[in-house]
Amino acid sequence: MDQWSAIQGNLLVNNVENEAVLEYSILGPTVTFSTPAVIAVTGGVVNAKLNGTQIHENQAIEVNSEDVLEIGPLTQGRYGYLAVSGGLQVDSILASKATSLRYGLGGFKGRALKRGIF
């Protein structure tokens, strides 16, 4: 985990420093937004596109409902982060919003995120 990049993403979208972010390793997610938000992609270097248009890391970007963010594989670094204004709406377990797949705890019902889960 790259704690500084997670904090940086949260600060860019005006969240508190320790708000939950989506952490990915090697390959980033494709996300369709259901509501307007401000996002930031931080951490390793990636090829990220919003509605097919290249975006840059480490900056606040406004998204609208139905916008699609595609984060490709990391070209430098090991971890990347997606911060969303208002944070991720997941349960906190033992003062953490992390997910443990092994124990089925935290995050979104202790499960890996999958297409259509939200």
Protein backbone atom coordinates (compact mmCIF):
# COMPACT_ATOMS: atom_id res chain seq x y z
CA MET A 1 0.00 0.00 0.00
CA ASP A 2 1.11 3.53 -0.82
CA GLN A 3 -0.45 5.52 2.01
CA TRP A 4 0.74 8.89 0.67
CA SER A 5 -0.99 8.33 -2.70
CA ALA A 6 -4.24 7.36 -0.95
CA ILE A 7 -4.07 10.52 1.19
CA GLN A 8 -3.21 12.64 -1.86
CA GLY A 9 -6.27 11.34 -3.72
CA ASN A 10 -8.53 12.14 -0.79
CA LEU A 11 -7.16 15.66 -0.45
CA LEU A 12 -7.64 16.29 -4.18
CA VAL A 13 -11.37 15.47 -3.89
CA ASN A 14 -11.80 17.30 -0.56
CA ASN A 15 -12.24 14.18 1.58
CA VAL A 16 -10.65 13.68 4.97
CA GLU A 17 -7.21 12.07 4.68
CA ASN A 18 -8.28 8.63 5.91
CA GLU A 19 -11.46 8.23 3.84
CA ALA A 20 -11.74 4.89 2.03
CA VAL A 21 -10.33 4.78 -1.51
CA LEU A 22 -10.40 2.01 -4.09
CA GLU A 23 -6.93 0.44 -4.19
CA TYR A 24 -5.90 -1.65 -7.19
CA SER A 25 -2.78 -3.56 -8.05
CA ILE A 26 -1.36 -4.09 -11.54
CA LEU A 27 -4.66 -3.57 -13.45
CA GLY A 28 -7.17 -0.83 -12.70
CA PRO A 29 -10.96 -1.10 -12.78
CA THR A 30 -13.59 0.12 -15.21
CA VAL A 31 -16.20 2.13 -13.32
CA THR A 32 -19.54 3.56 -14.46
CA PHE A 33 -20.67 6.38 -12.17
CA SER A 34 -24.27 6.51 -11.00
CA THR A 35 -24.09 10.06 -9.64
CA PRO A 36 -21.98 13.16 -10.30
CA ALA A 37 -18.74 13.24 -8.30
CA VAL A 38 -15.20 14.52 -8.22
CA ILE A 39 -12.53 11.83 -8.59
CA ALA A 40 -8.76 11.55 -8.50
CA VAL A 41 -6.54 8.75 -9.79
CA THR A 42 -3.28 8.57 -7.83
CA GLY A 43 -0.41 6.18 -7.17
CA GLY A 44 1.35 4.39 -10.01
CA VAL A 45 1.35 5.63 -13.60
CA VAL A 46 -1.61 4.36 -15.65
CA ASN A 47 -3.40 4.92 -18.93
CA ALA A 48 -6.74 6.24 -17.64
CA LYS A 49 -9.64 7.34 -19.82
CA LEU A 50 -12.92 9.05 -19.01
CA ASN A 51 -15.50 8.38 -21.71
CA GLY A 52 -12.64 7.41 -24.03
CA THR A 53 -10.63 10.60 -23.45
CA GLN A 54 -7.22 10.40 -21.77
CA ILE A 55 -7.06 11.87 -18.25
CA HIS A 56 -4.06 12.52 -16.04
CA GLU A 57 -3.22 11.25 -12.60
CA ASN A 58 -2.99 13.44 -9.52
CA GLN A 59 -5.70 15.94 -10.35
CA ALA A 60 -9.34 16.44 -9.42
CA ILE A 61 -11.73 15.53 -12.25
CA GLU A 62 -15.49 16.07 -12.33
CA VAL A 63 -17.59 13.14 -13.53
CA ASN A 64 -21.29 12.93 -14.34
CA SER A 65 -23.88 10.17 -14.09
CA GLU A 66 -23.21 7.42 -16.65
CA ASP A 67 -19.60 8.54 -17.23
CA VAL A 68 -17.23 5.59 -17.68
CA LEU A 69 -13.73 5.60 -16.20
CA GLU A 70 -11.31 2.99 -17.55
CA ILE A 71 -8.04 2.56 -15.69
CA GLY A 72 -5.62 0.36 -17.59
CA PRO A 73 -2.60 -1.55 -16.28
CA LEU A 74 0.00 0.22 -14.18
CA THR A 75 3.06 1.10 -16.27
CA GLN A 76 5.05 2.30 -13.26
CA GLY A 77 4.48 1.43 -9.62
CA ARG A 78 2.62 -1.41 -7.93
CA TYR A 79 -0.53 0.22 -6.52
CA GLY A 80 -3.03 2.76 -7.76
CA TYR A 81 -5.92 4.52 -6.06
CA LEU A 82 -9.28 5.95 -7.05
CA ALA A 83 -10.59 8.55 -4.63
CA VAL A 84 -14.22 9.71 -4.93
CA SER A 85 -15.67 12.83 -3.34
CA GLY A 86 -17.77 11.84 -0.36
CA GLY A 87 -15.86 8.57 -0.02
CA LEU A 88 -16.87 5.00 -0.71
CA GLN A 89 -20.02 3.90 1.06
CA VAL A 90 -18.79 0.73 2.73
CA ASP A 91 -19.03 -0.55 6.29
CA SER A 92 -16.25 0.03 8.79
CA ILE A 93 -15.01 -3.06 10.66
CA LEU A 94 -12.53 -2.63 13.52
CA ALA A 95 -12.04 1.04 12.51
CA SER A 96 -11.09 0.05 8.94
CA LYS A 97 -12.88 0.05 5.59
CA ALA A 98 -10.43 -2.45 4.11
CA THR A 99 -11.70 -5.75 2.73
CA SER A 100 -10.40 -9.13 3.83
CA LEU A 101 -11.59 -11.65 1.25
CA ARG A 102 -10.12 -14.51 3.28
CA TYR A 103 -12.32 -13.71 6.28
CA GLY A 104 -15.24 -12.11 4.44
CA LEU A 105 -14.89 -8.84 6.36
CA GLY A 106 -15.13 -5.17 5.51
CA GLY A 107 -15.53 -3.39 2.22
CA PHE A 108 -18.70 -4.29 0.37
CA LYS A 109 -20.07 -7.20 2.42
CA GLY A 110 -16.58 -8.72 2.59
CA ARG A 111 -16.66 -9.56 -1.12
CA ALA A 112 -14.52 -8.63 -4.08
CA LEU A 113 -16.03 -5.88 -6.22
CA LYS A 114 -17.67 -7.20 -9.36
CA ARG A 115 -19.54 -5.77 -12.30
CA GLY A 116 -22.95 -4.42 -11.29
CA ILE A 117 -22.36 -4.74 -7.54
CA PHE A 118 -23.40 -1.16 -6.76
